Protein backbone atom coordinates (compact mmCIF):
# COMPACT_ATOMS: atom_id res chain seq x y z
CA GLY A 1 60.20 -3.98 -3.18
CA LEU A 2 58.97 -6.89 -1.00
CA SER A 3 61.37 -9.09 0.91
CA ARG A 4 61.52 -12.71 -0.25
CA PRO A 5 59.89 -14.09 2.91
CA THR A 6 57.03 -11.60 2.60
CA LEU A 7 56.58 -12.38 -1.08
CA TYR A 8 56.41 -16.12 -0.52
CA ARG A 9 54.03 -15.67 2.43
CA ILE A 10 51.68 -13.72 0.11
CA LEU A 11 52.02 -16.30 -2.65
CA ALA A 12 51.30 -19.10 -0.18
CA THR A 13 48.14 -17.28 1.01
CA LEU A 14 46.95 -16.78 -2.54
CA GLU A 15 47.60 -20.44 -3.40
CA GLY A 16 45.73 -21.52 -0.33
CA LYS A 17 42.73 -19.49 -1.48
CA GLY A 18 42.92 -21.03 -4.98
CA VAL A 19 43.75 -17.73 -6.69
CA ILE A 20 47.05 -19.05 -7.97
CA ARG A 21 48.77 -22.41 -8.19
CA SER A 22 52.41 -23.32 -8.24
CA PHE A 23 54.18 -25.89 -10.41
CA GLY A 24 57.54 -26.92 -11.72
CA ASP A 25 61.13 -26.71 -10.54
CA PRO A 26 62.13 -23.94 -10.35
CA GLN A 27 58.79 -22.98 -8.92
CA ARG A 28 56.45 -21.01 -11.16
CA PHE A 29 52.93 -19.65 -10.64
CA GLU A 30 49.76 -19.26 -12.69
CA LEU A 31 46.17 -18.25 -12.07
CA GLY A 32 43.99 -20.82 -10.24
CA HIS A 33 40.29 -21.64 -10.31
CA GLU A 34 39.31 -18.92 -7.86
CA ALA A 35 40.74 -16.27 -10.21
CA SER A 36 37.99 -17.01 -12.73
CA ARG A 37 35.30 -16.44 -10.06
CA LEU A 38 36.93 -13.16 -9.14
CA ALA A 39 37.20 -12.09 -12.81
CA ALA A 40 33.53 -12.97 -13.39
CA SER A 41 32.49 -11.02 -10.31
CA TRP A 42 34.61 -8.04 -11.32
CA ILE A 43 32.82 -7.72 -14.67
CA GLY A 44 29.41 -8.75 -13.36
CA GLN A 45 29.35 -12.23 -14.89
CA ASP A 46 28.66 -14.39 -11.81
CA GLU A 47 25.31 -15.68 -13.10
CA PHE A 48 26.83 -16.53 -16.52
CA LEU A 49 29.68 -18.47 -14.94
CA ARG A 50 27.32 -20.41 -12.67
CA ALA A 51 25.07 -21.34 -15.55
CA ALA A 52 27.96 -22.30 -17.81
CA GLY A 53 30.16 -24.12 -15.27
CA PRO A 54 28.64 -27.66 -15.37
CA VAL A 55 28.34 -27.53 -19.17
CA LEU A 56 31.96 -26.41 -19.63
CA HIS A 57 33.19 -29.17 -17.33
CA ARG A 58 31.25 -31.81 -19.25
CA LEU A 59 32.57 -30.44 -22.56
CA TRP A 60 36.10 -30.58 -21.14
CA GLU A 61 35.68 -34.21 -20.09
CA ASP A 62 34.04 -35.23 -23.37
CA THR A 63 36.61 -33.57 -25.71
CA ASP A 64 39.70 -33.64 -23.50
CA GLU A 65 40.72 -30.33 -25.06
CA THR A 66 41.09 -26.90 -23.46
CA VAL A 67 37.68 -25.32 -22.89
CA ALA A 68 37.13 -21.60 -22.41
CA LEU A 69 34.33 -19.11 -21.87
CA PHE A 70 34.56 -15.57 -23.22
CA VAL A 71 32.52 -12.35 -22.94
CA ALA A 72 32.76 -9.17 -24.96
CA THR A 73 33.81 -5.88 -23.48
CA ASP A 74 32.48 -2.43 -24.32
CA ASP A 75 35.61 -1.44 -26.16
CA GLY A 76 35.45 -4.15 -28.83
CA HIS A 77 37.54 -6.81 -27.09
CA LYS A 78 36.89 -10.22 -25.53
CA ILE A 79 38.00 -11.46 -22.15
CA CYS A 80 38.36 -15.02 -20.96
CA ILE A 81 36.43 -15.54 -17.71
CA GLU A 82 36.91 -19.30 -17.39
CA GLU A 83 39.37 -21.87 -18.81
CA LEU A 84 39.78 -25.57 -18.23
CA GLN A 85 43.12 -26.69 -19.58
CA SER A 86 43.43 -29.96 -21.52
CA ARG A 87 45.07 -32.86 -19.70
CA GLN A 88 46.89 -33.82 -22.94
CA ALA A 89 50.70 -33.39 -23.15
CA LEU A 90 50.35 -31.14 -26.21
CA THR A 91 47.90 -28.40 -25.44
CA PHE A 92 47.08 -24.73 -25.89
CA LYS A 93 45.74 -22.19 -23.38
CA ARG A 94 45.12 -18.46 -23.18
CA GLY A 95 44.44 -17.98 -19.42
CA VAL A 96 41.66 -16.39 -17.37
CA GLY A 97 41.81 -12.64 -17.85
CA PHE A 98 43.32 -12.95 -21.39
CA THR A 99 41.98 -10.10 -23.62
CA GLU A 100 42.11 -9.67 -27.36
CA ALA A 101 40.25 -7.85 -30.13
CA LEU A 102 36.79 -9.30 -30.80
CA SER A 103 37.61 -9.50 -34.50
CA VAL A 104 40.43 -12.04 -33.95
CA GLY A 105 39.95 -15.78 -33.52
CA ALA A 106 36.94 -18.06 -33.37
CA SER A 107 35.86 -17.08 -29.86
CA GLY A 108 35.61 -13.42 -30.80
CA LYS A 109 34.02 -13.88 -34.24
CA ALA A 110 31.36 -16.18 -32.82
CA MET A 111 30.17 -13.21 -30.75
CA LEU A 112 30.96 -10.46 -33.32
CA ALA A 113 28.72 -12.10 -35.94
CA PHE A 114 25.64 -11.36 -33.82
CA THR A 115 26.31 -7.70 -33.06
CA ASP A 116 24.83 -4.76 -34.93
CA ALA A 117 28.27 -3.61 -35.97
CA ALA A 118 28.88 -6.77 -37.98
CA ALA A 119 25.33 -7.67 -39.03
CA ASN A 120 26.15 -7.21 -42.73
CA ASP A 121 29.66 -8.62 -42.73
CA PRO A 122 29.60 -11.47 -45.32
CA ASP A 123 32.70 -13.02 -43.77
CA LEU A 124 30.58 -13.88 -40.75
CA ASP A 125 27.63 -15.37 -42.64
CA ALA A 126 28.82 -18.95 -41.98
CA VAL A 127 28.72 -18.58 -38.19
CA ARG A 128 25.26 -16.99 -38.39
CA ARG A 129 24.07 -19.87 -40.56
CA THR A 130 25.75 -22.78 -38.71
CA GLY A 131 26.02 -21.41 -35.19
CA VAL A 132 29.73 -22.21 -34.96
CA GLN A 133 33.05 -20.61 -35.95
CA VAL A 134 36.23 -22.57 -36.66
CA SER A 135 39.69 -21.13 -37.03
CA LYS A 136 42.93 -22.86 -37.92
CA GLY A 137 46.27 -21.32 -37.07
CA GLU A 138 44.78 -17.85 -36.89
CA ILE A 139 46.35 -16.96 -33.55
CA ILE A 140 48.65 -19.86 -32.70
CA GLU A 141 50.29 -21.79 -35.52
CA GLY A 142 49.10 -25.42 -35.52
CA ALA A 143 46.08 -24.70 -33.26
CA VAL A 144 42.42 -25.20 -34.06
CA ALA A 145 39.74 -23.26 -32.23
CA ILE A 146 36.03 -24.09 -32.36
CA ALA A 147 33.59 -21.58 -30.84
CA ALA A 148 29.84 -21.00 -30.61
CA PRO A 149 27.85 -17.98 -29.39
CA VAL A 150 25.85 -17.95 -26.17
CA PHE A 151 22.70 -15.87 -25.97
CA ASN A 152 20.81 -13.99 -23.30
CA ARG A 153 17.10 -14.37 -22.59
CA ASP A 154 16.40 -11.39 -24.88
CA GLY A 155 18.34 -12.92 -27.81
CA THR A 156 21.39 -10.65 -27.56
CA VAL A 157 24.75 -12.37 -27.58
CA LYS A 158 26.15 -12.95 -24.10
CA GLY A 159 29.49 -14.58 -24.86
CA SER A 160 31.03 -17.64 -26.50
CA VAL A 161 32.13 -21.11 -25.53
CA CYS A 162 35.29 -22.36 -27.23
CA ILE A 163 37.64 -25.32 -27.35
CA PHE A 164 41.32 -25.18 -28.39
CA GLY A 165 43.49 -28.06 -29.59
CA PRO A 166 46.33 -28.97 -31.93
CA GLU A 167 45.47 -29.60 -35.57
CA VAL A 168 47.13 -33.04 -35.37
CA ARG A 169 44.44 -34.13 -32.92
CA LEU A 170 41.51 -32.14 -34.29
CA THR A 171 41.53 -33.87 -37.67
CA ASP A 172 38.54 -33.49 -39.99
CA SER A 173 36.51 -36.39 -38.58
CA ARG A 174 37.13 -35.50 -34.92
CA ARG A 175 36.64 -31.82 -35.66
CA ASP A 176 33.13 -32.55 -36.90
CA ALA A 177 32.28 -34.32 -33.65
CA CYS A 178 33.74 -31.45 -31.61
CA ILE A 179 31.74 -28.88 -33.59
CA LYS A 180 28.55 -30.68 -32.62
CA GLN A 181 29.64 -30.81 -28.99
CA VAL A 182 30.53 -27.13 -28.84
CA ARG A 183 27.30 -26.12 -30.61
CA GLU A 184 25.28 -28.25 -28.14
CA ALA A 185 27.12 -26.75 -25.16
CA SER A 186 26.38 -23.21 -26.35
CA ARG A 187 22.67 -24.09 -26.73
CA GLU A 188 22.56 -25.61 -23.29
CA ILE A 189 24.14 -22.60 -21.63
CA SER A 190 21.88 -20.24 -23.58
CA SER A 191 18.82 -22.21 -22.41
CA ALA A 192 20.08 -22.01 -18.82
CA LEU A 193 20.18 -18.21 -19.23
CA GLY A 194 16.52 -18.22 -20.40
CA TYR A 195 17.06 -18.09 -24.15
CA ALA A 196 14.44 -19.92 -26.20
CA ILE A 197 16.20 -21.85 -29.02
CA PRO A 198 14.41 -21.22 -32.31
CA ALA A 199 12.62 -24.34 -33.60
CA ALA A 200 14.63 -24.21 -36.85
CA ALA A 201 17.88 -24.55 -34.86
CA GLU A 202 16.77 -27.55 -32.79
């Protein structure tokens, strides 16, 4: 029910604050970097985002794929609290605030594997053993997702760090390199949160 001038004045204010950004012709809008900070604050994840931020940015630069940070909700879902979109022409993204069942996709399963509810699920043995979950075309056809869990100081799972990219770029050899990078990023963020990495996993 807003007039067009009022609507565009509000949109301009939000863009000026970094909550949204505009692009394209005709003009379209999407969430900006400030939206992730607001989302993290809303669900009490400020400290997590601050600890993860530099690591996520470095992972984004090193892989040149979309990088995202997820947390689990109390109702068995995951929510994206940060996303850095790939600069490549062909890319995938989910968006800050995106929610989905924890049992779907690499980012959710990387967390689910370390919960009491799924402790005996044999389908998640691989992520518990290797510290990483890979999915191909599970949510988006032609997409590959690589995710690893992040842990709190007390050893409980805090969230997951994930990269998304097209299968044509994430070929077997490059995928192996990205798996190592994602795993290392998750360990670095976990350490920043006070988690002591077990000697066997070093």
